[in-house]
N, C-alpha and C. Protein backbone atom coordinates (compact mmCIF):
# COMPACT_ATOMS: atom_id res chain seq x y z
N MET A 1 15.54 -20.64 -34.22
CA MET A 1 15.95 -19.82 -33.08
C MET A 1 14.85 -18.83 -32.70
N LEU A 2 14.18 -18.28 -33.67
CA LEU A 2 13.11 -17.33 -33.41
C LEU A 2 12.01 -17.98 -32.58
N ASN A 3 11.69 -19.24 -32.86
CA ASN A 3 10.66 -19.94 -32.09
C ASN A 3 11.03 -20.04 -30.62
N PHE A 4 12.33 -20.24 -30.31
CA PHE A 4 12.76 -20.31 -28.92
C PHE A 4 12.48 -18.99 -28.21
N PHE A 5 12.85 -17.87 -28.84
CA PHE A 5 12.64 -16.57 -28.22
C PHE A 5 11.16 -16.25 -28.07
N LEU A 6 10.35 -16.62 -29.03
CA LEU A 6 8.91 -16.43 -28.93
C LEU A 6 8.36 -17.28 -27.79
N TRP A 7 8.82 -18.54 -27.68
CA TRP A 7 8.38 -19.41 -26.60
C TRP A 7 8.78 -18.84 -25.25
N ARG A 8 10.03 -18.36 -25.14
CA ARG A 8 10.53 -17.81 -23.87
C ARG A 8 9.73 -16.58 -23.49
N GLU A 9 9.44 -15.71 -24.45
CA GLU A 9 8.66 -14.51 -24.17
C GLU A 9 7.26 -14.88 -23.70
N THR A 10 6.65 -15.85 -24.35
CA THR A 10 5.32 -16.30 -23.96
C THR A 10 5.36 -16.91 -22.56
N THR A 11 6.38 -17.70 -22.28
CA THR A 11 6.53 -18.32 -20.97
C THR A 11 6.72 -17.26 -19.89
N MET A 12 7.57 -16.27 -20.15
CA MET A 12 7.80 -15.20 -19.18
C MET A 12 6.51 -14.44 -18.91
N ALA A 13 5.73 -14.17 -19.96
CA ALA A 13 4.45 -13.49 -19.78
C ALA A 13 3.50 -14.34 -18.94
N ALA A 14 3.51 -15.64 -19.14
CA ALA A 14 2.65 -16.53 -18.36
C ALA A 14 3.05 -16.54 -16.89
N VAL A 15 4.35 -16.52 -16.61
CA VAL A 15 4.83 -16.49 -15.23
C VAL A 15 4.43 -15.16 -14.57
N LYS A 16 4.58 -14.06 -15.29
CA LYS A 16 4.17 -12.76 -14.74
C LYS A 16 2.68 -12.74 -14.45
N THR A 17 1.89 -13.36 -15.30
CA THR A 17 0.44 -13.43 -15.07
C THR A 17 0.13 -14.25 -13.82
N LYS A 18 0.83 -15.37 -13.63
CA LYS A 18 0.63 -16.19 -12.43
C LYS A 18 0.98 -15.39 -11.18
N ILE A 19 2.09 -14.66 -11.23
CA ILE A 19 2.50 -13.84 -10.09
C ILE A 19 1.47 -12.76 -9.82
N THR A 20 1.03 -12.07 -10.85
CA THR A 20 0.03 -11.01 -10.70
C THR A 20 -1.25 -11.55 -10.07
N ASP A 21 -1.74 -12.67 -10.58
CA ASP A 21 -2.97 -13.27 -10.06
C ASP A 21 -2.81 -13.68 -8.60
N TYR A 22 -1.67 -14.25 -8.27
CA TYR A 22 -1.43 -14.70 -6.89
C TYR A 22 -1.37 -13.49 -5.95
N LEU A 23 -0.65 -12.45 -6.36
CA LEU A 23 -0.57 -11.25 -5.52
C LEU A 23 -1.94 -10.63 -5.30
N THR A 24 -2.75 -10.60 -6.34
CA THR A 24 -4.09 -10.01 -6.25
C THR A 24 -4.97 -10.76 -5.26
N SER A 25 -4.78 -12.07 -5.16
CA SER A 25 -5.67 -12.90 -4.35
C SER A 25 -5.21 -13.08 -2.90
N HIS A 26 -4.15 -12.41 -2.48
CA HIS A 26 -3.65 -12.55 -1.13
C HIS A 26 -3.56 -11.19 -0.43
N LEU A 27 -3.45 -11.23 0.89
CA LEU A 27 -3.50 -10.00 1.69
C LEU A 27 -2.16 -9.55 2.24
N TYR A 28 -1.33 -10.50 2.63
CA TYR A 28 -0.10 -10.16 3.36
C TYR A 28 1.13 -10.78 2.71
N LEU A 29 2.24 -10.07 2.87
CA LEU A 29 3.53 -10.59 2.43
C LEU A 29 4.51 -10.50 3.58
N ARG A 30 5.56 -11.30 3.48
CA ARG A 30 6.65 -11.23 4.44
C ARG A 30 7.83 -10.57 3.75
N LEU A 31 8.17 -9.39 4.25
CA LEU A 31 9.17 -8.54 3.62
C LEU A 31 10.51 -8.70 4.31
N GLY A 32 11.54 -9.01 3.53
CA GLY A 32 12.89 -9.10 4.06
C GLY A 32 13.66 -7.83 3.78
N THR A 33 14.25 -7.27 4.85
CA THR A 33 15.11 -6.09 4.74
C THR A 33 16.40 -6.38 5.51
N VAL A 34 17.35 -5.47 5.39
CA VAL A 34 18.61 -5.59 6.12
C VAL A 34 18.88 -4.26 6.80
N ASP A 35 19.24 -4.31 8.09
CA ASP A 35 19.51 -3.05 8.80
C ASP A 35 20.94 -2.58 8.51
N THR A 36 21.32 -1.47 9.12
CA THR A 36 22.64 -0.88 8.84
C THR A 36 23.81 -1.73 9.34
N GLN A 37 23.53 -2.70 10.23
CA GLN A 37 24.58 -3.63 10.69
C GLN A 37 24.54 -4.93 9.89
N CYS A 38 23.79 -4.94 8.78
CA CYS A 38 23.64 -6.11 7.91
C CYS A 38 22.90 -7.26 8.59
N THR A 39 22.05 -6.95 9.56
CA THR A 39 21.23 -7.95 10.22
C THR A 39 19.93 -8.10 9.44
N PRO A 40 19.61 -9.29 8.95
CA PRO A 40 18.36 -9.46 8.21
C PRO A 40 17.15 -9.39 9.15
N GLN A 41 16.08 -8.83 8.65
CA GLN A 41 14.83 -8.72 9.41
C GLN A 41 13.67 -9.03 8.48
N VAL A 42 12.61 -9.61 9.05
CA VAL A 42 11.42 -9.94 8.28
C VAL A 42 10.23 -9.24 8.91
N HIS A 43 9.37 -8.69 8.06
CA HIS A 43 8.22 -7.91 8.51
C HIS A 43 6.98 -8.38 7.75
N THR A 44 5.89 -8.60 8.46
CA THR A 44 4.62 -8.94 7.81
C THR A 44 3.90 -7.64 7.51
N VAL A 45 3.51 -7.45 6.25
CA VAL A 45 2.80 -6.22 5.87
C VAL A 45 1.61 -6.55 4.97
N GLY A 46 0.54 -5.80 5.15
CA GLY A 46 -0.56 -5.82 4.21
C GLY A 46 -0.14 -5.01 2.99
N TYR A 47 -0.63 -5.38 1.83
CA TYR A 47 -0.18 -4.71 0.61
C TYR A 47 -1.31 -4.65 -0.40
N VAL A 48 -1.12 -3.81 -1.40
CA VAL A 48 -1.94 -3.83 -2.61
C VAL A 48 -0.98 -3.97 -3.78
N SER A 49 -1.50 -4.47 -4.87
CA SER A 49 -0.63 -4.67 -6.03
C SER A 49 -1.28 -4.11 -7.29
N GLU A 50 -0.42 -3.70 -8.19
CA GLU A 50 -0.80 -3.33 -9.56
C GLU A 50 0.15 -4.10 -10.46
N GLY A 51 -0.38 -5.15 -11.05
CA GLY A 51 0.50 -6.06 -11.78
C GLY A 51 1.43 -6.71 -10.80
N CYS A 52 2.73 -6.66 -11.08
CA CYS A 52 3.71 -7.26 -10.19
C CYS A 52 4.37 -6.25 -9.25
N ILE A 53 3.88 -5.02 -9.25
CA ILE A 53 4.37 -3.98 -8.34
C ILE A 53 3.48 -3.98 -7.10
N VAL A 54 4.10 -3.95 -5.92
CA VAL A 54 3.32 -3.90 -4.68
C VAL A 54 3.61 -2.60 -3.93
N TYR A 55 2.62 -2.21 -3.12
CA TYR A 55 2.70 -1.02 -2.30
C TYR A 55 2.28 -1.39 -0.88
N PHE A 56 2.90 -0.74 0.10
CA PHE A 56 2.46 -0.92 1.48
C PHE A 56 2.67 0.38 2.24
N VAL A 57 1.92 0.50 3.33
CA VAL A 57 1.95 1.69 4.18
C VAL A 57 2.62 1.32 5.49
N THR A 58 3.45 2.19 6.00
CA THR A 58 4.10 1.96 7.29
C THR A 58 4.45 3.29 7.93
N ASP A 59 4.84 3.25 9.17
CA ASP A 59 5.31 4.44 9.87
C ASP A 59 6.74 4.73 9.43
N ARG A 60 7.02 5.98 9.16
CA ARG A 60 8.37 6.35 8.69
C ARG A 60 9.45 6.03 9.73
N LYS A 61 9.06 5.83 11.00
CA LYS A 61 10.01 5.53 12.06
C LYS A 61 10.15 4.02 12.30
N SER A 62 9.44 3.21 11.53
CA SER A 62 9.50 1.76 11.71
C SER A 62 10.86 1.22 11.28
N ARG A 63 11.18 0.03 11.78
CA ARG A 63 12.45 -0.61 11.39
C ARG A 63 12.50 -0.84 9.89
N LYS A 64 11.38 -1.30 9.30
CA LYS A 64 11.40 -1.59 7.86
C LYS A 64 11.65 -0.32 7.05
N ALA A 65 11.04 0.80 7.46
CA ALA A 65 11.26 2.06 6.73
C ALA A 65 12.71 2.50 6.85
N GLU A 66 13.24 2.44 8.06
CA GLU A 66 14.65 2.82 8.26
C GLU A 66 15.58 1.92 7.45
N ASN A 67 15.29 0.62 7.44
CA ASN A 67 16.13 -0.32 6.69
C ASN A 67 16.07 -0.01 5.19
N ILE A 68 14.88 0.24 4.67
CA ILE A 68 14.72 0.49 3.23
C ILE A 68 15.40 1.79 2.83
N ILE A 69 15.30 2.81 3.68
CA ILE A 69 15.96 4.08 3.37
C ILE A 69 17.47 3.87 3.26
N SER A 70 18.04 3.02 4.12
CA SER A 70 19.49 2.80 4.07
C SER A 70 19.89 1.77 3.01
N ASN A 71 18.97 0.86 2.66
CA ASN A 71 19.27 -0.16 1.64
C ASN A 71 17.96 -0.55 0.97
N PRO A 72 17.69 -0.05 -0.23
CA PRO A 72 16.40 -0.29 -0.88
C PRO A 72 16.23 -1.68 -1.50
N ALA A 73 17.27 -2.51 -1.46
CA ALA A 73 17.14 -3.88 -1.97
C ALA A 73 16.35 -4.70 -0.96
N VAL A 74 15.25 -5.29 -1.43
CA VAL A 74 14.37 -6.07 -0.55
C VAL A 74 14.00 -7.37 -1.23
N ALA A 75 13.40 -8.25 -0.46
CA ALA A 75 12.82 -9.48 -0.99
C ALA A 75 11.55 -9.75 -0.20
N TYR A 76 10.59 -10.42 -0.84
CA TYR A 76 9.39 -10.80 -0.10
C TYR A 76 8.83 -12.10 -0.63
N ALA A 77 8.00 -12.71 0.24
CA ALA A 77 7.33 -13.96 -0.11
C ALA A 77 5.85 -13.82 0.23
N VAL A 78 5.02 -14.44 -0.62
CA VAL A 78 3.59 -14.52 -0.39
C VAL A 78 3.21 -15.99 -0.58
N ASP A 79 2.54 -16.55 0.42
CA ASP A 79 2.10 -17.94 0.31
C ASP A 79 1.02 -18.20 1.35
N GLU A 80 0.72 -19.45 1.56
CA GLU A 80 -0.31 -19.85 2.53
C GLU A 80 0.25 -20.96 3.40
N ASN A 81 -0.53 -21.36 4.39
CA ASN A 81 -0.15 -22.49 5.24
C ASN A 81 -0.73 -23.76 4.64
N TYR A 82 0.05 -24.44 3.84
CA TYR A 82 -0.39 -25.66 3.18
C TYR A 82 -0.09 -26.87 4.05
N LEU A 83 -1.05 -27.75 4.22
CA LEU A 83 -0.80 -29.02 4.91
C LEU A 83 -0.18 -30.03 3.96
N ASP A 84 -0.58 -29.98 2.71
CA ASP A 84 -0.08 -30.90 1.69
C ASP A 84 1.11 -30.24 0.99
N VAL A 85 2.32 -30.77 1.21
CA VAL A 85 3.51 -30.16 0.61
C VAL A 85 3.49 -30.20 -0.92
N MET A 86 2.70 -31.12 -1.48
CA MET A 86 2.61 -31.20 -2.94
C MET A 86 1.58 -30.21 -3.50
N ALA A 87 0.96 -29.40 -2.64
CA ALA A 87 0.00 -28.39 -3.08
C ALA A 87 0.55 -26.98 -2.91
N ILE A 88 1.78 -26.86 -2.39
CA ILE A 88 2.34 -25.54 -2.10
C ILE A 88 2.48 -24.71 -3.37
N GLN A 89 1.98 -23.49 -3.28
CA GLN A 89 2.20 -22.47 -4.32
C GLN A 89 2.56 -21.18 -3.61
N GLY A 90 3.24 -20.31 -4.29
CA GLY A 90 3.60 -19.04 -3.69
C GLY A 90 4.41 -18.18 -4.65
N VAL A 91 4.74 -17.01 -4.17
CA VAL A 91 5.50 -16.03 -4.94
C VAL A 91 6.70 -15.59 -4.11
N GLN A 92 7.84 -15.50 -4.75
CA GLN A 92 9.04 -14.90 -4.16
C GLN A 92 9.51 -13.81 -5.10
N ILE A 93 9.78 -12.64 -4.54
CA ILE A 93 10.21 -11.50 -5.37
C ILE A 93 11.46 -10.87 -4.77
N GLU A 94 12.40 -10.53 -5.63
CA GLU A 94 13.54 -9.69 -5.27
C GLU A 94 13.29 -8.36 -5.95
N GLY A 95 13.42 -7.26 -5.20
CA GLY A 95 13.08 -5.98 -5.81
C GLY A 95 13.76 -4.80 -5.16
N ILE A 96 13.36 -3.64 -5.64
CA ILE A 96 13.88 -2.37 -5.14
C ILE A 96 12.70 -1.56 -4.61
N ALA A 97 12.82 -1.12 -3.36
CA ALA A 97 11.75 -0.34 -2.72
C ALA A 97 12.08 1.15 -2.80
N SER A 98 11.04 1.94 -2.95
CA SER A 98 11.20 3.39 -2.96
C SER A 98 9.97 4.04 -2.35
N LEU A 99 10.15 5.25 -1.85
CA LEU A 99 9.03 6.01 -1.30
C LEU A 99 8.14 6.52 -2.43
N VAL A 100 6.84 6.48 -2.21
CA VAL A 100 5.90 7.11 -3.13
C VAL A 100 5.80 8.56 -2.70
N THR A 101 6.14 9.47 -3.60
CA THR A 101 6.19 10.88 -3.23
C THR A 101 5.12 11.74 -3.90
N LEU A 102 4.59 11.31 -5.03
CA LEU A 102 3.56 12.10 -5.70
C LEU A 102 2.23 11.95 -4.97
N GLU A 103 1.60 13.06 -4.65
CA GLU A 103 0.35 13.02 -3.90
C GLU A 103 -0.75 12.27 -4.66
N THR A 104 -0.79 12.43 -5.98
CA THR A 104 -1.83 11.73 -6.76
C THR A 104 -1.64 10.22 -6.67
N ASP A 105 -0.39 9.77 -6.73
CA ASP A 105 -0.11 8.33 -6.58
C ASP A 105 -0.47 7.87 -5.18
N ALA A 106 -0.10 8.65 -4.17
CA ALA A 106 -0.38 8.28 -2.78
C ALA A 106 -1.89 8.15 -2.55
N MET A 107 -2.67 9.08 -3.07
CA MET A 107 -4.12 9.04 -2.87
C MET A 107 -4.72 7.81 -3.55
N ARG A 108 -4.25 7.49 -4.74
CA ARG A 108 -4.73 6.32 -5.47
C ARG A 108 -4.40 5.03 -4.70
N ILE A 109 -3.20 4.95 -4.17
CA ILE A 109 -2.78 3.75 -3.44
C ILE A 109 -3.55 3.63 -2.12
N LEU A 110 -3.74 4.74 -1.42
CA LEU A 110 -4.52 4.70 -0.19
C LEU A 110 -5.95 4.27 -0.46
N ASP A 111 -6.51 4.69 -1.58
CA ASP A 111 -7.86 4.26 -1.96
C ASP A 111 -7.88 2.75 -2.20
N LEU A 112 -6.87 2.22 -2.90
CA LEU A 112 -6.77 0.77 -3.12
C LEU A 112 -6.64 0.03 -1.79
N MET A 113 -5.84 0.58 -0.87
CA MET A 113 -5.66 -0.05 0.44
C MET A 113 -6.99 -0.07 1.20
N ALA A 114 -7.73 1.03 1.15
CA ALA A 114 -9.01 1.09 1.87
C ALA A 114 -10.02 0.11 1.29
N GLN A 115 -9.97 -0.12 -0.03
CA GLN A 115 -10.85 -1.11 -0.65
C GLN A 115 -10.49 -2.53 -0.21
N LYS A 116 -9.22 -2.81 -0.14
CA LYS A 116 -8.76 -4.16 0.21
C LYS A 116 -8.86 -4.42 1.72
N PHE A 117 -8.62 -3.38 2.51
CA PHE A 117 -8.62 -3.49 3.97
C PHE A 117 -9.60 -2.45 4.54
N PRO A 118 -10.89 -2.76 4.58
CA PRO A 118 -11.89 -1.78 5.03
C PRO A 118 -11.62 -1.22 6.42
N GLY A 119 -10.96 -1.95 7.28
CA GLY A 119 -10.66 -1.47 8.63
C GLY A 119 -9.69 -0.31 8.67
N MET A 120 -9.00 -0.04 7.58
CA MET A 120 -8.04 1.07 7.54
C MET A 120 -8.71 2.41 7.79
N GLU A 121 -9.98 2.51 7.41
CA GLU A 121 -10.69 3.78 7.59
C GLU A 121 -10.84 4.12 9.07
N LYS A 122 -10.73 3.14 9.95
CA LYS A 122 -10.87 3.36 11.39
C LYS A 122 -9.55 3.75 12.05
N MET A 123 -8.46 3.67 11.29
CA MET A 123 -7.16 4.03 11.85
C MET A 123 -7.12 5.52 12.15
N PRO A 124 -6.55 5.89 13.30
CA PRO A 124 -6.42 7.33 13.59
C PRO A 124 -5.42 7.97 12.62
N PRO A 125 -5.58 9.24 12.34
CA PRO A 125 -4.62 9.93 11.45
C PRO A 125 -3.21 9.84 12.01
N ASN A 126 -2.25 9.66 11.13
CA ASN A 126 -0.86 9.56 11.54
C ASN A 126 -0.01 10.27 10.49
N PRO A 127 0.53 11.44 10.83
CA PRO A 127 1.33 12.19 9.86
C PRO A 127 2.65 11.51 9.50
N ASP A 128 3.01 10.46 10.25
CA ASP A 128 4.28 9.77 9.99
C ASP A 128 4.13 8.58 9.06
N LEU A 129 2.92 8.36 8.51
CA LEU A 129 2.74 7.24 7.58
C LEU A 129 3.38 7.56 6.24
N VAL A 130 4.03 6.56 5.67
CA VAL A 130 4.63 6.67 4.34
C VAL A 130 4.20 5.47 3.51
N ILE A 131 4.28 5.61 2.21
CA ILE A 131 3.94 4.52 1.30
C ILE A 131 5.20 4.12 0.55
N PHE A 132 5.45 2.82 0.54
CA PHE A 132 6.57 2.29 -0.24
C PHE A 132 6.05 1.52 -1.44
N LYS A 133 6.81 1.60 -2.49
CA LYS A 133 6.55 0.86 -3.73
C LYS A 133 7.70 -0.12 -3.90
N ILE A 134 7.37 -1.39 -4.22
CA ILE A 134 8.42 -2.36 -4.52
C ILE A 134 8.30 -2.76 -5.98
N GLU A 135 9.33 -2.41 -6.73
CA GLU A 135 9.39 -2.79 -8.14
C GLU A 135 10.22 -4.07 -8.25
N PRO A 136 9.65 -5.10 -8.86
CA PRO A 136 10.37 -6.36 -8.93
C PRO A 136 11.56 -6.31 -9.89
N VAL A 137 12.60 -7.03 -9.53
CA VAL A 137 13.76 -7.21 -10.39
C VAL A 137 13.77 -8.64 -10.92
N ARG A 138 13.48 -9.58 -10.02
CA ARG A 138 13.40 -10.99 -10.37
C ARG A 138 12.27 -11.60 -9.54
N GLY A 139 11.53 -12.51 -10.16
CA GLY A 139 10.43 -13.14 -9.44
C GLY A 139 10.38 -14.63 -9.70
N TYR A 140 9.76 -15.33 -8.76
CA TYR A 140 9.58 -16.77 -8.86
C TYR A 140 8.15 -17.12 -8.52
N PHE A 141 7.56 -18.00 -9.30
CA PHE A 141 6.28 -18.58 -8.95
C PHE A 141 6.54 -20.01 -8.53
N LEU A 142 6.28 -20.31 -7.26
CA LEU A 142 6.49 -21.66 -6.72
C LEU A 142 5.24 -22.48 -6.99
N ASP A 143 5.42 -23.71 -7.44
CA ASP A 143 4.26 -24.56 -7.72
C ASP A 143 4.62 -26.03 -7.54
N SER A 144 4.40 -26.53 -6.33
CA SER A 144 4.70 -27.93 -6.04
C SER A 144 3.67 -28.87 -6.63
N THR A 145 2.60 -28.34 -7.24
CA THR A 145 1.67 -29.22 -7.93
C THR A 145 2.29 -29.74 -9.22
N VAL A 146 3.33 -29.05 -9.71
CA VAL A 146 4.07 -29.51 -10.89
C VAL A 146 5.09 -30.57 -10.45
N ALA A 147 5.87 -30.23 -9.43
CA ALA A 147 6.86 -31.13 -8.83
C ALA A 147 7.30 -30.47 -7.54
N PHE A 148 7.66 -31.27 -6.55
CA PHE A 148 8.07 -30.68 -5.28
C PHE A 148 9.24 -29.73 -5.51
N GLY A 149 9.11 -28.49 -5.00
CA GLY A 149 10.16 -27.49 -5.14
C GLY A 149 10.20 -26.79 -6.49
N HIS A 150 9.25 -27.10 -7.39
CA HIS A 150 9.25 -26.47 -8.71
C HIS A 150 9.02 -24.97 -8.59
N ARG A 151 9.77 -24.19 -9.36
CA ARG A 151 9.52 -22.75 -9.43
C ARG A 151 9.92 -22.25 -10.80
N ASP A 152 9.12 -21.32 -11.29
CA ASP A 152 9.39 -20.65 -12.56
C ASP A 152 9.93 -19.27 -12.26
N MET A 153 11.01 -18.90 -12.94
CA MET A 153 11.67 -17.62 -12.71
C MET A 153 11.38 -16.65 -13.84
N VAL A 154 11.30 -15.37 -13.50
CA VAL A 154 11.15 -14.33 -14.50
C VAL A 154 11.95 -13.11 -14.08
N ASP A 155 12.64 -12.50 -15.03
CA ASP A 155 13.32 -11.23 -14.79
C ASP A 155 12.41 -10.12 -15.29
N PHE A 156 12.40 -9.02 -14.57
CA PHE A 156 11.55 -7.88 -14.95
C PHE A 156 12.37 -6.80 -15.62
């Protein structure tokens, strides 16, 4: 029985590593939120990641910010436009979003964003910008190179 738990722990660590690597190598995610009328909405956002945690910047008056403030449960997907369906890989995450409020954290995240997206430095100042953090609850690494529709799940 101990071998099973050791194997499962190793497997979960491997899935988290695949998710981390995939997040690091991509620029944009599609974020799913729900408004106060329970209408689902999807938003494309640039992000930075630290492990399996992602951060993004948005206007506090945006639909996504308003949706997250009223319901912090979110989901997102990161993938590419694959022509070969047997080559599809991607990440799906279910998580909880929260505002980043500590100035030291905000400065660190903005620095990471500027490194990943050099054009951000040209953006005009906007006092209404906020930073959200998404902490994963459950994640999936999709890998059709294993089998069509194959995905490995991990709980955080």
